[in-house]
Amino acid sequence: MKPENILRLCALAAVLGVLVLGVQLVRESKATSYLSSDPRACINCHVMDAYYVSWQHSSHAEHAACVDCHLPHDNKVDKYVSKARDGWNHTVAFTFNTYGKRMLLSDDGARRVQENCVRCHSSLAHTMTEGSDAHYAFSDETLGEGRNCWDCHRLVPHGKVRSINASPNNLSVRWDK
């Protein structure tokens, strides 16, 4: 066999090997599940189990999935860019174990959650701005600036979850295989 044919076969074998490994990585990581809005995608990583279970036992589970609160709704590009950025950050943190026991929202994540609280509860938020006193100093223009909804509504929708192992109902939560 000619040396160039051997090199071609080796190159083809290497490309096929990389493709097989790539497909296997996508399959094992359930990567395509992250394109959906299914909340179970959030528990592909065990560190999210307590947050999933606490949401699942909240009133929000009947009306809002994870993406409804945690992703922007202004346009699809912004939604998927945020989803990709968050996914990358989560992958790095979970892979290299750089997260603490208590998961915290980033500033951008907190902004998105606040905007979505106001978006879904706009009539209530408007009522609050009309009836607010100087203590809260809400106005339609400043709603969400300085104060977040969860400053008062601490248990919504994740209950008393303060760490990744805090939920008593956090037993055997798994994505159906």
C-alpha atoms as a PDB file:
ATOM      1  CA  MET A   1       0.000   0.000   0.000  1.00  0.00           C
ATOM      2  CA  LYS A   2       1.264   3.456  -0.901  1.00  0.00           C
ATOM      3  CA  PRO A   3       2.241   5.854   1.918  1.00  0.00           C
ATOM      4  CA  GLU A   4      -0.313   8.465   0.698  1.00  0.00           C
ATOM      5  CA  ASN A   5      -3.112   5.878   0.948  1.00  0.00           C
ATOM      6  CA  ILE A   6      -2.018   4.975   4.463  1.00  0.00           C
ATOM      7  CA  LEU A   7      -2.092   8.673   5.429  1.00  0.00           C
ATOM      8  CA  ARG A   8      -5.561   9.058   3.895  1.00  0.00           C
ATOM      9  CA  LEU A   9      -6.849   6.045   5.811  1.00  0.00           C
ATOM     10  CA  CYS A  10      -5.317   7.350   9.045  1.00  0.00           C
ATOM     11  CA  ALA A  11      -6.851  10.791   8.463  1.00  0.00           C
ATOM     12  CA  LEU A  12     -10.242   9.232   7.686  1.00  0.00           C
ATOM     13  CA  ALA A  13     -10.019   7.036  10.803  1.00  0.00           C
ATOM     14  CA  ALA A  14      -9.126  10.083  12.913  1.00  0.00           C
ATOM     15  CA  VAL A  15     -12.044  12.119  11.518  1.00  0.00           C
ATOM     16  CA  LEU A  16     -14.462   9.225  12.073  1.00  0.00           C
ATOM     17  CA  GLY A  17     -13.112   8.742  15.592  1.00  0.00           C
ATOM     18  CA  VAL A  18     -13.671  12.406  16.428  1.00  0.00           C
ATOM     19  CA  LEU A  19     -17.193  12.257  14.969  1.00  0.00           C
ATOM     20  CA  VAL A  20     -18.054   9.139  16.990  1.00  0.00           C
ATOM     21  CA  LEU A  21     -16.690  10.723  20.167  1.00  0.00           C
ATOM     22  CA  GLY A  22     -18.620  13.938  19.418  1.00  0.00           C
ATOM     23  CA  VAL A  23     -21.885  12.066  18.896  1.00  0.00           C
ATOM     24  CA  GLN A  24     -21.283  10.091  22.081  1.00  0.00           C
ATOM     25  CA  LEU A  25     -20.567  13.287  24.031  1.00  0.00           C
ATOM     26  CA  VAL A  26     -23.780  14.885  22.763  1.00  0.00           C
ATOM     27  CA  ARG A  27     -25.740  11.728  23.646  1.00  0.00           C
ATOM     28  CA  GLU A  28     -24.252  11.266  27.123  1.00  0.00           C
ATOM     29  CA  SER A  29     -24.583  14.938  28.061  1.00  0.00           C
ATOM     30  CA  LYS A  30     -28.152  15.092  26.714  1.00  0.00           C
ATOM     31  CA  ALA A  31     -27.027  18.250  24.907  1.00  0.00           C
ATOM     32  CA  THR A  32     -30.085  18.429  22.655  1.00  0.00           C
ATOM     33  CA  SER A  33     -32.350  18.618  25.727  1.00  0.00           C
ATOM     34  CA  TYR A  34     -31.011  22.108  26.368  1.00  0.00           C
ATOM     35  CA  LEU A  35     -32.672  23.327  23.187  1.00  0.00           C
ATOM     36  CA  SER A  36     -36.079  22.634  24.739  1.00  0.00           C
ATOM     37  CA  SER A  37     -38.031  24.435  27.427  1.00  0.00           C
ATOM     38  CA  ASP A  38     -38.462  21.258  29.464  1.00  0.00           C
ATOM     39  CA  PRO A  39     -37.501  21.922  33.112  1.00  0.00           C
ATOM     40  CA  ARG A  40     -36.087  18.381  33.383  1.00  0.00           C
ATOM     41  CA  ALA A  41     -33.177  19.555  31.217  1.00  0.00           C
ATOM     42  CA  CYS A  42     -32.049  21.584  34.218  1.00  0.00           C
ATOM     43  CA  ILE A  43     -31.505  18.421  36.250  1.00  0.00           C
ATOM     44  CA  ASN A  44     -29.114  16.815  33.811  1.00  0.00           C
ATOM     45  CA  CYS A  45     -26.553  17.983  36.362  1.00  0.00           C
ATOM     46  CA  HIS A  46     -27.216  16.636  39.845  1.00  0.00           C
ATOM     47  CA  VAL A  47     -26.316  19.955  41.473  1.00  0.00           C
ATOM     48  CA  MET A  48     -29.618  21.382  40.225  1.00  0.00           C
ATOM     49  CA  ASP A  49     -31.797  18.668  41.811  1.00  0.00           C
ATOM     50  CA  ALA A  50     -32.730  20.674  44.919  1.00  0.00           C
ATOM     51  CA  TYR A  51     -33.672  23.700  42.829  1.00  0.00           C
ATOM     52  CA  TYR A  52     -35.768  21.562  40.490  1.00  0.00           C
ATOM     53  CA  VAL A  53     -37.556  19.796  43.351  1.00  0.00           C
ATOM     54  CA  SER A  54     -38.257  23.045  45.204  1.00  0.00           C
ATOM     55  CA  TRP A  55     -39.669  24.600  42.017  1.00  0.00           C
ATOM     56  CA  GLN A  56     -41.663  21.418  41.327  1.00  0.00           C
ATOM     57  CA  HIS A  57     -43.383  21.774  44.723  1.00  0.00           C
ATOM     58  CA  SER A  58     -44.158  25.461  44.222  1.00  0.00           C
ATOM     59  CA  SER A  59     -47.146  27.190  42.681  1.00  0.00           C
ATOM     60  CA  HIS A  60     -44.883  28.350  39.852  1.00  0.00           C
ATOM     61  CA  ALA A  61     -44.588  24.763  38.576  1.00  0.00           C
ATOM     62  CA  GLU A  62     -48.170  25.014  37.322  1.00  0.00           C
ATOM     63  CA  HIS A  63     -47.520  28.180  35.319  1.00  0.00           C
ATOM     64  CA  ALA A  64     -43.821  28.716  34.619  1.00  0.00           C
ATOM     65  CA  ALA A  65     -40.888  26.568  33.564  1.00  0.00           C
ATOM     66  CA  CYS A  66     -37.274  27.410  34.391  1.00  0.00           C
ATOM     67  CA  VAL A  67     -36.787  29.268  31.100  1.00  0.00           C
ATOM     68  CA  ASP A  68     -39.832  31.460  31.777  1.00  0.00           C
ATOM     69  CA  CYS A  69     -38.080  33.016  34.764  1.00  0.00           C
ATOM     70  CA  HIS A  70     -34.406  32.665  33.940  1.00  0.00           C
ATOM     71  CA  LEU A  71     -34.217  33.629  30.251  1.00  0.00           C
ATOM     72  CA  PRO A  72     -35.088  36.859  28.456  1.00  0.00           C
ATOM     73  CA  HIS A  73     -38.273  37.042  26.412  1.00  0.00           C
ATOM     74  CA  ASP A  74     -37.593  40.130  24.314  1.00  0.00           C
ATOM     75  CA  ASN A  75     -36.372  38.153  21.269  1.00  0.00           C
ATOM     76  CA  LYS A  76     -35.224  34.657  20.326  1.00  0.00           C
ATOM     77  CA  VAL A  77     -31.630  35.682  19.606  1.00  0.00           C
ATOM     78  CA  ASP A  78     -31.207  37.180  23.094  1.00  0.00           C
ATOM     79  CA  LYS A  79     -32.894  34.116  24.612  1.00  0.00           C
ATOM     80  CA  TYR A  80     -30.590  31.609  22.920  1.00  0.00           C
ATOM     81  CA  VAL A  81     -27.463  33.734  23.430  1.00  0.00           C
ATOM     82  CA  SER A  82     -28.274  33.894  27.156  1.00  0.00           C
ATOM     83  CA  LYS A  83     -29.060  30.182  27.204  1.00  0.00           C
ATOM     84  CA  ALA A  84     -25.749  29.361  25.503  1.00  0.00           C
ATOM     85  CA  ARG A  85     -23.746  31.672  27.783  1.00  0.00           C
ATOM     86  CA  ASP A  86     -25.409  30.295  30.927  1.00  0.00           C
ATOM     87  CA  GLY A  87     -24.969  26.746  29.660  1.00  0.00           C
ATOM     88  CA  TRP A  88     -21.283  27.316  29.034  1.00  0.00           C
ATOM     89  CA  ASN A  89     -20.802  28.902  32.474  1.00  0.00           C
ATOM     90  CA  HIS A  90     -22.702  26.057  34.153  1.00  0.00           C
ATOM     91  CA  THR A  91     -20.742  23.423  32.234  1.00  0.00           C
ATOM     92  CA  VAL A  92     -17.426  24.943  33.278  1.00  0.00           C
ATOM     93  CA  ALA A  93     -18.512  25.378  36.913  1.00  0.00           C
ATOM     94  CA  PHE A  94     -19.963  21.866  37.212  1.00  0.00           C
ATOM     95  CA  THR A  95     -17.130  20.157  35.323  1.00  0.00           C
ATOM     96  CA  PHE A  96     -14.367  21.819  37.331  1.00  0.00           C
ATOM     97  CA  ASN A  97     -16.347  21.918  40.599  1.00  0.00           C
ATOM     98  CA  THR A  98     -15.937  25.667  41.006  1.00  0.00           C
ATOM     99  CA  TYR A  99     -19.406  26.361  42.401  1.00  0.00           C
ATOM    100  CA  GLY A 100     -20.233  26.649  46.061  1.00  0.00           C
ATOM    101  CA  LYS A 101     -22.918  24.735  47.879  1.00  0.00           C
ATOM    102  CA  ARG A 102     -25.128  27.789  47.567  1.00  0.00           C
ATOM    103  CA  MET A 103     -25.816  28.691  43.948  1.00  0.00           C
ATOM    104  CA  LEU A 104     -26.140  32.420  43.295  1.00  0.00           C
ATOM    105  CA  LEU A 105     -27.601  34.280  40.351  1.00  0.00           C
ATOM    106  CA  SER A 106     -25.229  36.380  38.306  1.00  0.00           C
ATOM    107  CA  ASP A 107     -26.062  40.072  37.985  1.00  0.00           C
ATOM    108  CA  ASP A 108     -27.328  39.423  34.458  1.00  0.00           C
ATOM    109  CA  GLY A 109     -29.383  36.448  35.670  1.00  0.00           C
ATOM    110  CA  ALA A 110     -30.884  38.528  38.484  1.00  0.00           C
ATOM    111  CA  ARG A 111     -31.808  41.263  36.004  1.00  0.00           C
ATOM    112  CA  ARG A 112     -33.551  38.703  33.771  1.00  0.00           C
ATOM    113  CA  VAL A 113     -35.456  37.117  36.669  1.00  0.00           C
ATOM    114  CA  GLN A 114     -36.593  40.544  37.897  1.00  0.00           C
ATOM    115  CA  GLU A 115     -37.771  41.540  34.400  1.00  0.00           C
ATOM    116  CA  ASN A 116     -39.690  38.274  34.129  1.00  0.00           C
ATOM    117  CA  CYS A 117     -41.312  38.688  37.551  1.00  0.00           C
ATOM    118  CA  VAL A 118     -42.585  42.098  36.451  1.00  0.00           C
ATOM    119  CA  ARG A 119     -43.556  40.767  33.002  1.00  0.00           C
ATOM    120  CA  CYS A 120     -45.693  37.926  34.390  1.00  0.00           C
ATOM    121  CA  HIS A 121     -47.066  39.851  37.333  1.00  0.00           C
ATOM    122  CA  SER A 122     -47.435  43.193  35.556  1.00  0.00           C
ATOM    123  CA  SER A 123     -50.914  43.957  36.897  1.00  0.00           C
ATOM    124  CA  LEU A 124     -49.775  43.269  40.456  1.00  0.00           C
ATOM    125  CA  ALA A 125     -46.586  45.252  39.912  1.00  0.00           C
ATOM    126  CA  HIS A 126     -48.638  48.165  38.545  1.00  0.00           C
ATOM    127  CA  THR A 127     -50.944  48.004  41.581  1.00  0.00           C
ATOM    128  CA  MET A 128     -47.905  48.107  43.854  1.00  0.00           C
ATOM    129  CA  THR A 129     -46.562  51.193  42.116  1.00  0.00           C
ATOM    130  CA  GLU A 130     -49.906  52.985  42.432  1.00  0.00           C
ATOM    131  CA  GLY A 131     -50.305  52.214  46.128  1.00  0.00           C
ATOM    132  CA  SER A 132     -46.713  52.382  47.251  1.00  0.00           C
ATOM    133  CA  ASP A 133     -45.640  54.645  50.035  1.00  0.00           C
ATOM    134  CA  ALA A 134     -42.293  56.367  50.478  1.00  0.00           C
ATOM    135  CA  HIS A 135     -40.959  53.298  52.311  1.00  0.00           C
ATOM    136  CA  TYR A 136     -40.918  51.213  49.157  1.00  0.00           C
ATOM    137  CA  ALA A 137     -40.754  54.063  46.643  1.00  0.00           C
ATOM    138  CA  PHE A 138     -41.883  51.977  43.685  1.00  0.00           C
ATOM    139  CA  SER A 139     -42.783  53.624  40.440  1.00  0.00           C
ATOM    140  CA  ASP A 140     -43.384  52.187  36.986  1.00  0.00           C
ATOM    141  CA  GLU A 141     -40.084  53.696  35.849  1.00  0.00           C
ATOM    142  CA  THR A 142     -38.013  52.448  38.779  1.00  0.00           C
ATOM    143  CA  LEU A 143     -39.702  49.115  39.456  1.00  0.00           C
ATOM    144  CA  GLY A 144     -36.886  46.649  39.886  1.00  0.00           C
ATOM    145  CA  GLU A 145     -34.162  49.233  40.379  1.00  0.00           C
ATOM    146  CA  GLY A 146     -32.593  48.798  43.789  1.00  0.00           C
ATOM    147  CA  ARG A 147     -35.132  46.245  45.020  1.00  0.00           C
ATOM    148  CA  ASN A 148     -35.879  42.858  43.590  1.00  0.00           C
ATOM    149  CA  CYS A 149     -39.136  40.979  43.944  1.00  0.00           C
ATOM    150  CA  TRP A 150     -37.374  38.252  45.932  1.00  0.00           C
ATOM    151  CA  ASP A 151     -36.227  40.783  48.541  1.00  0.00           C
ATOM    152  CA  CYS A 152     -39.721  40.325  49.996  1.00  0.00           C
ATOM    153  CA  HIS A 153     -40.765  37.080  48.298  1.00  0.00           C
ATOM    154  CA  ARG A 154     -37.745  35.040  49.410  1.00  0.00           C
ATOM    155  CA  LEU A 155     -39.454  31.674  49.204  1.00  0.00           C
ATOM    156  CA  VAL A 156     -40.727  32.061  45.627  1.00  0.00           C
ATOM    157  CA  PRO A 157     -40.374  29.687  43.805  1.00  0.00           C
ATOM    158  CA  HIS A 158     -37.492  27.759  45.330  1.00  0.00           C
ATOM    159  CA  GLY A 159     -38.643  27.612  48.947  1.00  0.00           C
ATOM    160  CA  LYS A 160     -35.951  27.444  51.589  1.00  0.00           C
ATOM    161  CA  VAL A 161     -33.277  25.987  49.316  1.00  0.00           C
ATOM    162  CA  ARG A 162     -30.036  27.427  50.594  1.00  0.00           C
ATOM    163  CA  SER A 163     -27.664  24.802  49.261  1.00  0.00           C
ATOM    164  CA  ILE A 164     -27.542  22.046  46.682  1.00  0.00           C
ATOM    165  CA  ASN A 165     -28.432  19.381  49.247  1.00  0.00           C
ATOM    166  CA  ALA A 166     -31.054  21.248  51.285  1.00  0.00           C
ATOM    167  CA  SER A 167     -34.257  19.767  49.895  1.00  0.00           C
ATOM    168  CA  PRO A 168     -35.823  16.926  51.899  1.00  0.00           C
ATOM    169  CA  ASN A 169     -37.693  15.824  48.750  1.00  0.00           C
ATOM    170  CA  ASN A 170     -34.479  15.611  46.758  1.00  0.00           C
ATOM    171  CA  LEU A 171     -34.460  11.853  46.325  1.00  0.00           C
ATOM    172  CA  SER A 172     -33.837  10.113  43.007  1.00  0.00           C
ATOM    173  CA  VAL A 173     -34.698  13.054  40.775  1.00  0.00           C
ATOM    174  CA  ARG A 174     -33.637  11.986  37.317  1.00  0.00           C
ATOM    175  CA  TRP A 175     -34.368  12.637  33.694  1.00  0.00           C
ATOM    176  CA  ASP A 176     -36.187   9.681  32.141  1.00  0.00           C
ATOM    177  CA  LYS A 177     -33.690   7.666  30.132  1.00  0.00           C
END
